[in-house]
């Protein structure tokens, strides 16, 4: 609690959050269940999940690169045509490499995913402490710890664990996120 916030103002904010969660209870519950199911599937098939994540990232780069090239040619008198073409071409090459050669680049993607998990965990950590007086805030903290731990484990296990670690840790992270949504929703339903 900051020095300018009174306990009464903080209680009002907490009740506002509870009310919002109660109002959209079915969406929060549905999201929690969906994330749990996806987490279980990812853990059951870690290598397939690793390859799927890598191919999906590749398609994102490929689509982004094509859009960048299209944008470069669609503008008349565009002074950065060469720069846009180089960036777009780089995105296309990386996209093709990630999408169409599924067993290459898994270590690089593992490092990228580790960074994403650590950053996600940091954001959830801040969110948990913002929700701290509310029941169920500990589940958001738990989800933050899982995300940060997943990121650290990814980096620590390289290169040997890259083939299965991405899929497994994506699954564990999804389970943690799903549980946090379910628990915060149940806590908000209490009076």
Protein backbone atom coordinates (compact mmCIF):
# COMPACT_ATOMS: atom_id res chain seq x y z
CA UNK A 1 0.00 0.00 0.00
CA UNK A 2 1.42 3.38 -0.95
CA UNK A 3 1.49 6.27 1.49
CA UNK A 4 -1.30 8.05 -0.42
CA UNK A 5 -3.71 5.10 -0.41
CA UNK A 6 -5.99 4.70 2.56
CA UNK A 7 -7.17 1.27 3.68
CA UNK A 8 -10.69 2.33 2.68
CA UNK A 9 -9.59 3.26 -0.86
CA UNK A 10 -7.68 -0.01 -1.16
CA UNK A 11 -10.72 -1.97 0.02
CA UNK A 12 -12.82 -0.17 -2.61
CA UNK A 13 -10.36 -1.15 -5.35
CA UNK A 14 -10.36 -4.76 -4.19
CA UNK A 15 -14.15 -4.88 -4.19
CA UNK A 16 -14.16 -3.35 -7.68
CA UNK A 17 -11.84 -6.13 -8.92
CA UNK A 18 -13.96 -8.80 -7.20
CA UNK A 19 -17.10 -7.35 -8.77
CA UNK A 20 -15.52 -7.35 -12.23
CA UNK A 21 -14.41 -10.98 -11.83
CA UNK A 22 -17.87 -12.02 -10.54
CA UNK A 23 -19.54 -10.24 -13.47
CA UNK A 24 -17.40 -12.17 -15.96
CA UNK A 25 -17.15 -15.35 -13.88
CA UNK A 26 -17.98 -17.75 -16.72
CA UNK A 27 -15.26 -16.23 -18.94
CA UNK A 28 -12.65 -16.50 -16.17
CA UNK A 29 -13.68 -20.09 -15.39
CA UNK A 30 -13.75 -21.05 -19.08
CA UNK A 31 -10.31 -19.55 -19.65
CA UNK A 32 -8.96 -21.39 -16.61
CA UNK A 33 -10.34 -24.74 -17.78
CA UNK A 34 -9.12 -24.18 -21.35
CA UNK A 35 -5.60 -23.38 -20.13
CA UNK A 36 -5.61 -26.48 -17.91
CA UNK A 37 -6.64 -28.73 -20.82
CA UNK A 38 -4.02 -27.19 -23.12
CA UNK A 39 -1.40 -27.58 -20.39
CA UNK A 40 -2.20 -31.28 -19.95
CA UNK A 41 -2.01 -31.82 -23.73
CA UNK A 42 1.34 -30.02 -23.94
CA UNK A 43 2.77 -32.11 -21.09
CA UNK A 44 1.47 -35.34 -22.61
CA UNK A 45 3.14 -34.56 -25.96
CA UNK A 46 6.19 -32.38 -25.19
CA UNK A 47 8.14 -32.98 -28.40
CA UNK A 48 5.09 -32.30 -30.58
CA UNK A 49 4.42 -29.13 -28.56
CA UNK A 50 8.03 -28.01 -29.01
CA UNK A 51 7.84 -28.45 -32.78
CA UNK A 52 4.38 -26.82 -32.94
CA UNK A 53 5.55 -23.76 -31.02
CA UNK A 54 8.60 -23.43 -33.25
CA UNK A 55 6.58 -23.76 -36.46
CA UNK A 56 4.00 -21.24 -35.20
CA UNK A 57 6.73 -18.70 -34.43
CA UNK A 58 8.15 -19.34 -37.89
CA UNK A 59 4.81 -18.59 -39.55
CA UNK A 60 4.53 -15.37 -37.56
CA UNK A 61 7.93 -14.26 -38.86
CA UNK A 62 7.05 -15.36 -42.40
CA UNK A 63 3.74 -13.45 -42.45
CA UNK A 64 5.39 -10.40 -40.87
CA UNK A 65 8.18 -10.46 -43.45
CA UNK A 66 5.77 -10.70 -46.37
CA UNK A 67 3.77 -7.78 -44.94
CA UNK A 68 6.97 -5.75 -44.51
CA UNK A 69 7.99 -6.35 -48.13
CA UNK A 70 4.49 -5.57 -49.39
CA UNK A 71 4.42 -2.35 -47.38
CA UNK A 72 7.82 -1.31 -48.79
CA UNK A 73 6.60 -1.65 -52.38
CA UNK A 74 3.16 -0.17 -51.76
CA UNK A 75 4.41 3.29 -50.76
CA UNK A 76 5.40 5.74 -53.48
CA UNK A 77 8.55 7.74 -52.78
CA UNK A 78 9.31 5.65 -49.70
CA UNK A 79 12.86 6.60 -48.72
CA UNK A 80 13.33 3.48 -46.57
CA UNK A 81 12.51 0.97 -49.32
CA UNK A 82 15.85 -0.81 -49.04
CA UNK A 83 15.68 -0.97 -45.24
CA UNK A 84 12.16 -2.37 -45.30
CA UNK A 85 13.13 -4.92 -47.95
CA UNK A 86 16.12 -6.07 -45.89
CA UNK A 87 14.06 -6.41 -42.70
CA UNK A 88 11.21 -8.10 -44.57
CA UNK A 89 13.65 -10.44 -46.29
CA UNK A 90 15.29 -11.33 -42.98
CA UNK A 91 11.88 -12.08 -41.46
CA UNK A 92 10.96 -14.26 -44.45
CA UNK A 93 14.23 -16.23 -44.28
CA UNK A 94 13.89 -16.78 -40.51
CA UNK A 95 10.21 -17.67 -40.97
CA UNK A 96 10.98 -20.24 -43.65
CA UNK A 97 13.82 -21.69 -41.56
CA UNK A 98 11.64 -22.03 -38.45
CA UNK A 99 8.49 -23.20 -40.26
CA UNK A 100 9.83 -25.64 -42.82
CA UNK A 101 12.82 -27.11 -41.00
CA UNK A 102 11.12 -28.14 -37.76
CA UNK A 103 14.11 -29.77 -36.05
CA UNK A 104 16.51 -26.84 -36.48
CA UNK A 105 16.65 -23.77 -34.29
CA UNK A 106 15.07 -25.37 -31.24
CA UNK A 107 17.88 -24.12 -28.97
CA UNK A 108 17.43 -20.52 -30.17
CA UNK A 109 13.71 -20.77 -29.65
CA UNK A 110 14.31 -22.29 -26.22
CA UNK A 111 16.30 -19.19 -25.21
CA UNK A 112 13.58 -16.89 -26.58
CA UNK A 113 10.86 -18.80 -24.75
CA UNK A 114 12.90 -18.67 -21.53
CA UNK A 115 13.02 -14.88 -21.80
CA UNK A 116 9.25 -14.73 -22.42
CA UNK A 117 8.55 -16.90 -19.37
CA UNK A 118 10.81 -14.82 -17.12
CA UNK A 119 9.19 -11.57 -18.30
CA UNK A 120 5.71 -13.08 -17.92
CA UNK A 121 6.61 -14.15 -14.40
CA UNK A 122 7.82 -10.66 -13.53
CA UNK A 123 4.54 -9.14 -14.74
CA UNK A 124 2.49 -11.72 -12.81
CA UNK A 125 4.62 -11.09 -9.72
CA UNK A 126 3.76 -7.39 -9.85
CA UNK A 127 0.11 -8.29 -10.45
CA UNK A 128 0.10 -10.66 -7.46
CA UNK A 129 1.37 -8.00 -5.09
CA UNK A 130 -1.17 -5.53 -6.45
CA UNK A 131 -3.93 -8.06 -5.65
CA UNK A 132 -2.28 -9.07 -2.35
CA UNK A 133 -5.03 -8.19 0.12
CA UNK A 134 -7.60 -10.05 -1.99
CA UNK A 135 -8.29 -13.74 -1.38
CA UNK A 136 -6.61 -15.91 -3.98
CA UNK A 137 -3.73 -13.51 -4.70
CA UNK A 138 -1.33 -16.28 -3.73
CA UNK A 139 -2.38 -18.29 -6.78
CA UNK A 140 -1.27 -15.45 -9.06
CA UNK A 141 2.01 -15.39 -7.11
CA UNK A 142 2.26 -19.16 -7.57
CA UNK A 143 1.73 -18.75 -11.33
CA UNK A 144 4.48 -16.07 -11.40
CA UNK A 145 6.90 -18.39 -9.60
CA UNK A 146 6.10 -21.19 -12.06
CA UNK A 147 6.71 -18.92 -15.07
CA UNK A 148 10.04 -17.61 -13.72
CA UNK A 149 11.14 -21.12 -12.72
CA UNK A 150 10.24 -22.45 -16.17
CA UNK A 151 12.38 -19.77 -17.80
CA UNK A 152 15.35 -20.47 -15.54
CA UNK A 153 15.03 -24.25 -16.09
CA UNK A 154 14.98 -23.77 -19.85
CA UNK A 155 18.27 -21.90 -19.78
CA UNK A 156 19.90 -24.25 -17.25
CA UNK A 157 19.12 -27.41 -19.24
CA UNK A 158 20.51 -26.31 -22.60
CA UNK A 159 21.34 -27.83 -25.03
CA UNK A 160 20.32 -31.36 -24.06
CA UNK A 161 16.78 -30.68 -22.92
CA UNK A 162 15.70 -28.32 -25.70
CA UNK A 163 13.80 -30.98 -27.69
CA UNK A 164 11.33 -31.77 -24.91
CA UNK A 165 11.72 -28.91 -22.47
CA UNK A 166 9.81 -26.30 -24.46
CA UNK A 167 6.73 -28.51 -24.74
CA UNK A 168 6.87 -29.64 -21.13
CA UNK A 169 7.44 -26.17 -19.71
CA UNK A 170 4.78 -24.60 -21.94
CA UNK A 171 2.42 -27.21 -20.49
CA UNK A 172 3.43 -26.52 -16.89
CA UNK A 173 3.11 -22.78 -17.48
CA UNK A 174 -0.37 -23.23 -18.98
CA UNK A 175 -1.39 -25.37 -16.00
CA UNK A 176 -0.21 -22.68 -13.59
CA UNK A 177 -2.03 -19.95 -15.50
CA UNK A 178 -5.22 -22.02 -15.67
CA UNK A 179 -5.12 -22.76 -11.93
CA UNK A 180 -4.58 -19.09 -11.12
CA UNK A 181 -7.65 -18.06 -13.15
CA UNK A 182 -9.79 -20.74 -11.52
CA UNK A 183 -8.63 -19.91 -7.99
CA UNK A 184 -8.95 -16.13 -8.33
CA UNK A 185 -12.46 -16.63 -9.76
CA UNK A 186 -13.46 -18.88 -6.87
CA UNK A 187 -11.98 -16.44 -4.36
CA UNK A 188 -13.88 -13.51 -5.92
CA UNK A 189 -17.13 -15.44 -5.53
CA UNK A 190 -16.73 -15.51 -1.73
CA UNK A 191 -18.45 -12.77 0.20
